[in-house]
Amino acid sequence: MTRQTMTTATPGNDQDAALDRAIAELEGAMADLQLKHRDLFAFANAWAERHDAVMRLAPPHRAEEVRARLRRIAIRWGLADGVRMTRQFPALRQS
């Protein structure tokens, strides 16, 4: 059984599919990466190496999109400044 992931790649575009796959693999490997690199400096360094490798795969027209996706991953794992949602907001205002 294969696991399917949602990508932004169009059918037939191998470069975009490979890029999306690389981002998904990186995101899936973050927990193991954190366990392997126990101090924050080593974890951040390992992240930076993988970030740069993914960015090298990004064609110029997708660079900003890829950079934003990687930044969101880094924020979730505490490697970049940014706001993580920790509070629920009600769908309707109370009157």
N, C-alpha and C. Protein backbone atom coordinates (compact mmCIF):
# COMPACT_ATOMS: atom_id res chain seq x y z
N MET A 1 0.85 -1.17 0.00
CA MET A 1 0.00 0.00 0.00
C MET A 1 0.89 1.24 0.00
N THR A 2 0.63 2.16 -0.89
CA THR A 2 1.40 3.38 -0.94
C THR A 2 0.62 4.51 -0.30
N ARG A 3 1.35 5.41 0.31
CA ARG A 3 0.75 6.56 0.95
C ARG A 3 0.74 7.70 -0.04
N GLN A 4 -0.42 8.29 -0.25
CA GLN A 4 -0.51 9.40 -1.17
C GLN A 4 -0.52 10.70 -0.39
N THR A 5 0.20 11.69 -0.92
CA THR A 5 0.23 13.00 -0.29
C THR A 5 -0.29 14.04 -1.26
N MET A 6 -0.79 15.11 -0.72
CA MET A 6 -1.29 16.19 -1.54
C MET A 6 -0.12 17.05 -1.99
N THR A 7 -0.02 17.29 -3.28
CA THR A 7 1.05 18.12 -3.80
C THR A 7 0.47 19.22 -4.66
N THR A 8 1.32 20.20 -4.94
CA THR A 8 0.90 21.28 -5.83
C THR A 8 1.43 21.04 -7.25
N ALA A 9 2.08 19.92 -7.46
CA ALA A 9 2.65 19.63 -8.77
C ALA A 9 1.56 19.26 -9.77
N THR A 10 1.79 19.68 -10.99
CA THR A 10 0.87 19.31 -12.05
C THR A 10 1.32 17.99 -12.64
N PRO A 11 0.39 17.16 -13.11
CA PRO A 11 0.79 15.89 -13.69
C PRO A 11 1.78 16.09 -14.84
N GLY A 12 2.81 15.28 -14.84
CA GLY A 12 3.77 15.36 -15.92
C GLY A 12 4.93 16.29 -15.63
N ASN A 13 4.89 17.02 -14.56
CA ASN A 13 5.99 17.92 -14.24
C ASN A 13 6.87 17.25 -13.18
N ASP A 14 7.87 16.53 -13.64
CA ASP A 14 8.72 15.74 -12.74
C ASP A 14 9.50 16.60 -11.75
N GLN A 15 9.96 17.77 -12.17
CA GLN A 15 10.74 18.63 -11.28
C GLN A 15 9.88 19.12 -10.12
N ASP A 16 8.65 19.54 -10.40
CA ASP A 16 7.75 19.99 -9.33
C ASP A 16 7.39 18.83 -8.41
N ALA A 17 7.14 17.67 -8.98
CA ALA A 17 6.79 16.49 -8.17
C ALA A 17 7.96 16.10 -7.27
N ALA A 18 9.17 16.15 -7.77
CA ALA A 18 10.35 15.81 -6.97
C ALA A 18 10.54 16.82 -5.85
N LEU A 19 10.29 18.08 -6.13
CA LEU A 19 10.40 19.12 -5.12
C LEU A 19 9.37 18.92 -4.01
N ASP A 20 8.12 18.69 -4.39
CA ASP A 20 7.07 18.46 -3.40
C ASP A 20 7.36 17.21 -2.57
N ARG A 21 7.89 16.19 -3.21
CA ARG A 21 8.24 14.96 -2.50
C ARG A 21 9.38 15.22 -1.50
N ALA A 22 10.36 16.02 -1.90
CA ALA A 22 11.48 16.34 -1.01
C ALA A 22 11.00 17.12 0.21
N ILE A 23 10.07 18.04 0.02
CA ILE A 23 9.54 18.81 1.15
C ILE A 23 8.75 17.89 2.08
N ALA A 24 7.94 17.03 1.51
CA ALA A 24 7.15 16.09 2.32
C ALA A 24 8.06 15.14 3.10
N GLU A 25 9.12 14.66 2.45
CA GLU A 25 10.06 13.76 3.13
C GLU A 25 10.77 14.49 4.27
N LEU A 26 11.16 15.74 4.03
CA LEU A 26 11.81 16.52 5.08
C LEU A 26 10.86 16.72 6.26
N GLU A 27 9.63 17.09 5.97
CA GLU A 27 8.67 17.30 7.04
C GLU A 27 8.42 16.01 7.82
N GLY A 28 8.37 14.90 7.13
CA GLY A 28 8.16 13.62 7.79
C GLY A 28 9.35 13.16 8.62
N ALA A 29 10.53 13.66 8.29
CA ALA A 29 11.74 13.24 8.99
C ALA A 29 12.13 14.17 10.13
N MET A 30 11.35 15.22 10.38
CA MET A 30 11.74 16.21 11.38
C MET A 30 11.85 15.61 12.79
N ALA A 31 10.94 14.74 13.17
CA ALA A 31 11.01 14.15 14.52
C ALA A 31 12.29 13.34 14.69
N ASP A 32 12.64 12.55 13.69
CA ASP A 32 13.88 11.77 13.76
C ASP A 32 15.10 12.69 13.76
N LEU A 33 15.03 13.75 12.98
CA LEU A 33 16.13 14.70 12.92
C LEU A 33 16.35 15.34 14.30
N GLN A 34 15.26 15.68 14.96
CA GLN A 34 15.37 16.29 16.29
C GLN A 34 15.94 15.29 17.31
N LEU A 35 15.52 14.04 17.21
CA LEU A 35 16.05 13.02 18.14
C LEU A 35 17.53 12.74 17.90
N LYS A 36 17.93 12.75 16.65
CA LYS A 36 19.31 12.47 16.31
C LYS A 36 20.24 13.60 16.74
N HIS A 37 19.78 14.83 16.61
CA HIS A 37 20.58 16.02 16.95
C HIS A 37 19.99 16.63 18.21
N ARG A 38 20.52 16.22 19.36
CA ARG A 38 19.90 16.55 20.63
C ARG A 38 20.06 18.02 21.05
N ASP A 39 21.14 18.68 20.68
CA ASP A 39 21.22 20.08 21.07
C ASP A 39 20.70 20.96 19.93
N LEU A 40 20.24 22.13 20.30
CA LEU A 40 19.57 23.00 19.34
C LEU A 40 20.49 23.42 18.19
N PHE A 41 21.77 23.68 18.49
CA PHE A 41 22.69 24.09 17.43
C PHE A 41 22.84 22.99 16.38
N ALA A 42 23.01 21.76 16.80
CA ALA A 42 23.17 20.65 15.86
C ALA A 42 21.88 20.43 15.07
N PHE A 43 20.74 20.55 15.73
CA PHE A 43 19.44 20.41 15.07
C PHE A 43 19.26 21.51 14.02
N ALA A 44 19.58 22.75 14.39
CA ALA A 44 19.44 23.87 13.46
C ALA A 44 20.40 23.72 12.28
N ASN A 45 21.60 23.23 12.54
CA ASN A 45 22.57 23.03 11.47
C ASN A 45 22.10 21.95 10.49
N ALA A 46 21.58 20.85 11.03
CA ALA A 46 21.05 19.77 10.18
C ALA A 46 19.87 20.28 9.36
N TRP A 47 19.01 21.08 10.00
CA TRP A 47 17.87 21.67 9.28
C TRP A 47 18.36 22.57 8.14
N ALA A 48 19.36 23.41 8.42
CA ALA A 48 19.87 24.34 7.41
C ALA A 48 20.42 23.59 6.20
N GLU A 49 21.12 22.49 6.45
CA GLU A 49 21.65 21.70 5.33
C GLU A 49 20.51 21.15 4.46
N ARG A 50 19.48 20.65 5.10
CA ARG A 50 18.34 20.09 4.35
C ARG A 50 17.53 21.19 3.67
N HIS A 51 17.38 22.33 4.34
CA HIS A 51 16.70 23.48 3.76
C HIS A 51 17.39 23.90 2.47
N ASP A 52 18.72 24.03 2.53
CA ASP A 52 19.48 24.44 1.35
C ASP A 52 19.38 23.42 0.23
N ALA A 53 19.37 22.13 0.58
CA ALA A 53 19.26 21.09 -0.45
C ALA A 53 17.90 21.17 -1.15
N VAL A 54 16.84 21.42 -0.38
CA VAL A 54 15.51 21.55 -0.99
C VAL A 54 15.44 22.81 -1.84
N MET A 55 16.02 23.90 -1.37
CA MET A 55 15.99 25.15 -2.14
C MET A 55 16.75 25.01 -3.46
N ARG A 56 17.78 24.18 -3.47
CA ARG A 56 18.50 23.95 -4.75
C ARG A 56 17.61 23.25 -5.77
N LEU A 57 16.63 22.49 -5.30
CA LEU A 57 15.70 21.81 -6.21
C LEU A 57 14.64 22.75 -6.77
N ALA A 58 14.43 23.88 -6.08
CA ALA A 58 13.33 24.78 -6.45
C ALA A 58 13.67 25.60 -7.69
N PRO A 59 12.80 25.54 -8.70
CA PRO A 59 13.01 26.42 -9.85
C PRO A 59 12.72 27.87 -9.44
N PRO A 60 13.27 28.82 -10.14
CA PRO A 60 13.11 30.23 -9.75
C PRO A 60 11.65 30.66 -9.57
N HIS A 61 10.76 30.16 -10.39
CA HIS A 61 9.36 30.60 -10.28
C HIS A 61 8.65 30.05 -9.05
N ARG A 62 9.24 29.08 -8.38
CA ARG A 62 8.64 28.51 -7.16
C ARG A 62 9.45 28.80 -5.90
N ALA A 63 10.52 29.57 -6.02
CA ALA A 63 11.43 29.79 -4.89
C ALA A 63 10.72 30.41 -3.69
N GLU A 64 9.92 31.44 -3.90
CA GLU A 64 9.24 32.09 -2.77
C GLU A 64 8.24 31.15 -2.10
N GLU A 65 7.50 30.39 -2.90
CA GLU A 65 6.53 29.42 -2.35
C GLU A 65 7.25 28.37 -1.51
N VAL A 66 8.35 27.85 -2.01
CA VAL A 66 9.10 26.81 -1.31
C VAL A 66 9.71 27.38 -0.04
N ARG A 67 10.26 28.59 -0.12
CA ARG A 67 10.83 29.23 1.06
C ARG A 67 9.77 29.41 2.14
N ALA A 68 8.56 29.78 1.75
CA ALA A 68 7.47 29.96 2.72
C ALA A 68 7.07 28.62 3.35
N ARG A 69 6.99 27.57 2.54
CA ARG A 69 6.64 26.25 3.08
C ARG A 69 7.69 25.77 4.06
N LEU A 70 8.97 25.96 3.73
CA LEU A 70 10.04 25.55 4.63
C LEU A 70 10.04 26.38 5.90
N ARG A 71 9.71 27.65 5.78
CA ARG A 71 9.64 28.50 6.98
C ARG A 71 8.54 28.03 7.92
N ARG A 72 7.40 27.64 7.37
CA ARG A 72 6.31 27.13 8.21
C ARG A 72 6.73 25.86 8.94
N ILE A 73 7.46 24.99 8.25
CA ILE A 73 7.97 23.78 8.91
C ILE A 73 8.94 24.17 10.03
N ALA A 74 9.84 25.11 9.75
CA ALA A 74 10.81 25.55 10.75
C ALA A 74 10.12 26.17 11.96
N ILE A 75 9.07 26.92 11.75
CA ILE A 75 8.32 27.52 12.86
C ILE A 75 7.70 26.43 13.71
N ARG A 76 7.08 25.43 13.07
CA ARG A 76 6.46 24.34 13.82
C ARG A 76 7.46 23.60 14.70
N TRP A 77 8.70 23.51 14.25
CA TRP A 77 9.71 22.76 14.99
C TRP A 77 10.61 23.65 15.83
N GLY A 78 10.27 24.92 15.97
CA GLY A 78 11.01 25.82 16.83
C GLY A 78 12.34 26.27 16.29
N LEU A 79 12.52 26.21 14.99
CA LEU A 79 13.79 26.60 14.37
C LEU A 79 13.76 27.98 13.74
N ALA A 80 12.60 28.61 13.74
CA ALA A 80 12.46 29.95 13.17
C ALA A 80 11.47 30.72 14.02
N ASP A 81 11.67 32.02 14.08
CA ASP A 81 10.72 32.86 14.78
C ASP A 81 9.40 32.87 14.03
N GLY A 82 8.34 32.88 14.77
CA GLY A 82 7.02 32.94 14.15
C GLY A 82 5.97 32.51 15.14
N VAL A 83 4.77 32.81 14.81
CA VAL A 83 3.66 32.52 15.70
C VAL A 83 3.08 31.16 15.39
N ARG A 84 2.97 30.35 16.43
CA ARG A 84 2.27 29.07 16.31
C ARG A 84 0.91 29.25 16.96
N MET A 85 -0.11 28.74 16.34
CA MET A 85 -1.46 28.88 16.88
C MET A 85 -1.60 27.97 18.09
N THR A 86 -1.88 28.58 19.24
CA THR A 86 -2.05 27.79 20.45
C THR A 86 -3.39 28.06 21.12
N ARG A 87 -4.22 28.86 20.49
CA ARG A 87 -5.51 29.22 21.07
C ARG A 87 -6.61 29.02 20.05
N GLN A 88 -7.73 28.55 20.50
CA GLN A 88 -8.87 28.39 19.61
C GLN A 88 -9.68 29.68 19.60
N PHE A 89 -10.15 30.04 18.43
CA PHE A 89 -11.00 31.21 18.30
C PHE A 89 -12.42 30.75 17.99
N PRO A 90 -13.40 31.32 18.66
CA PRO A 90 -14.78 30.91 18.39
C PRO A 90 -15.20 31.30 16.98
N ALA A 91 -16.02 30.48 16.38
CA ALA A 91 -16.47 30.74 15.02
C ALA A 91 -17.43 31.92 14.97
N LEU A 92 -18.21 32.11 16.02
CA LEU A 92 -19.19 33.18 16.06
C LEU A 92 -18.88 34.11 17.23
N ARG A 93 -19.09 35.38 17.02
CA ARG A 93 -18.90 36.34 18.10
C ARG A 93 -20.06 36.27 19.07
N GLN A 94 -19.74 36.49 20.32
CA GLN A 94 -20.80 36.55 21.33
C GLN A 94 -21.34 37.96 21.36
N SER A 95 -22.68 38.11 21.40
CA SER A 95 -23.24 39.44 21.40
C SER A 95 -23.61 39.90 22.77
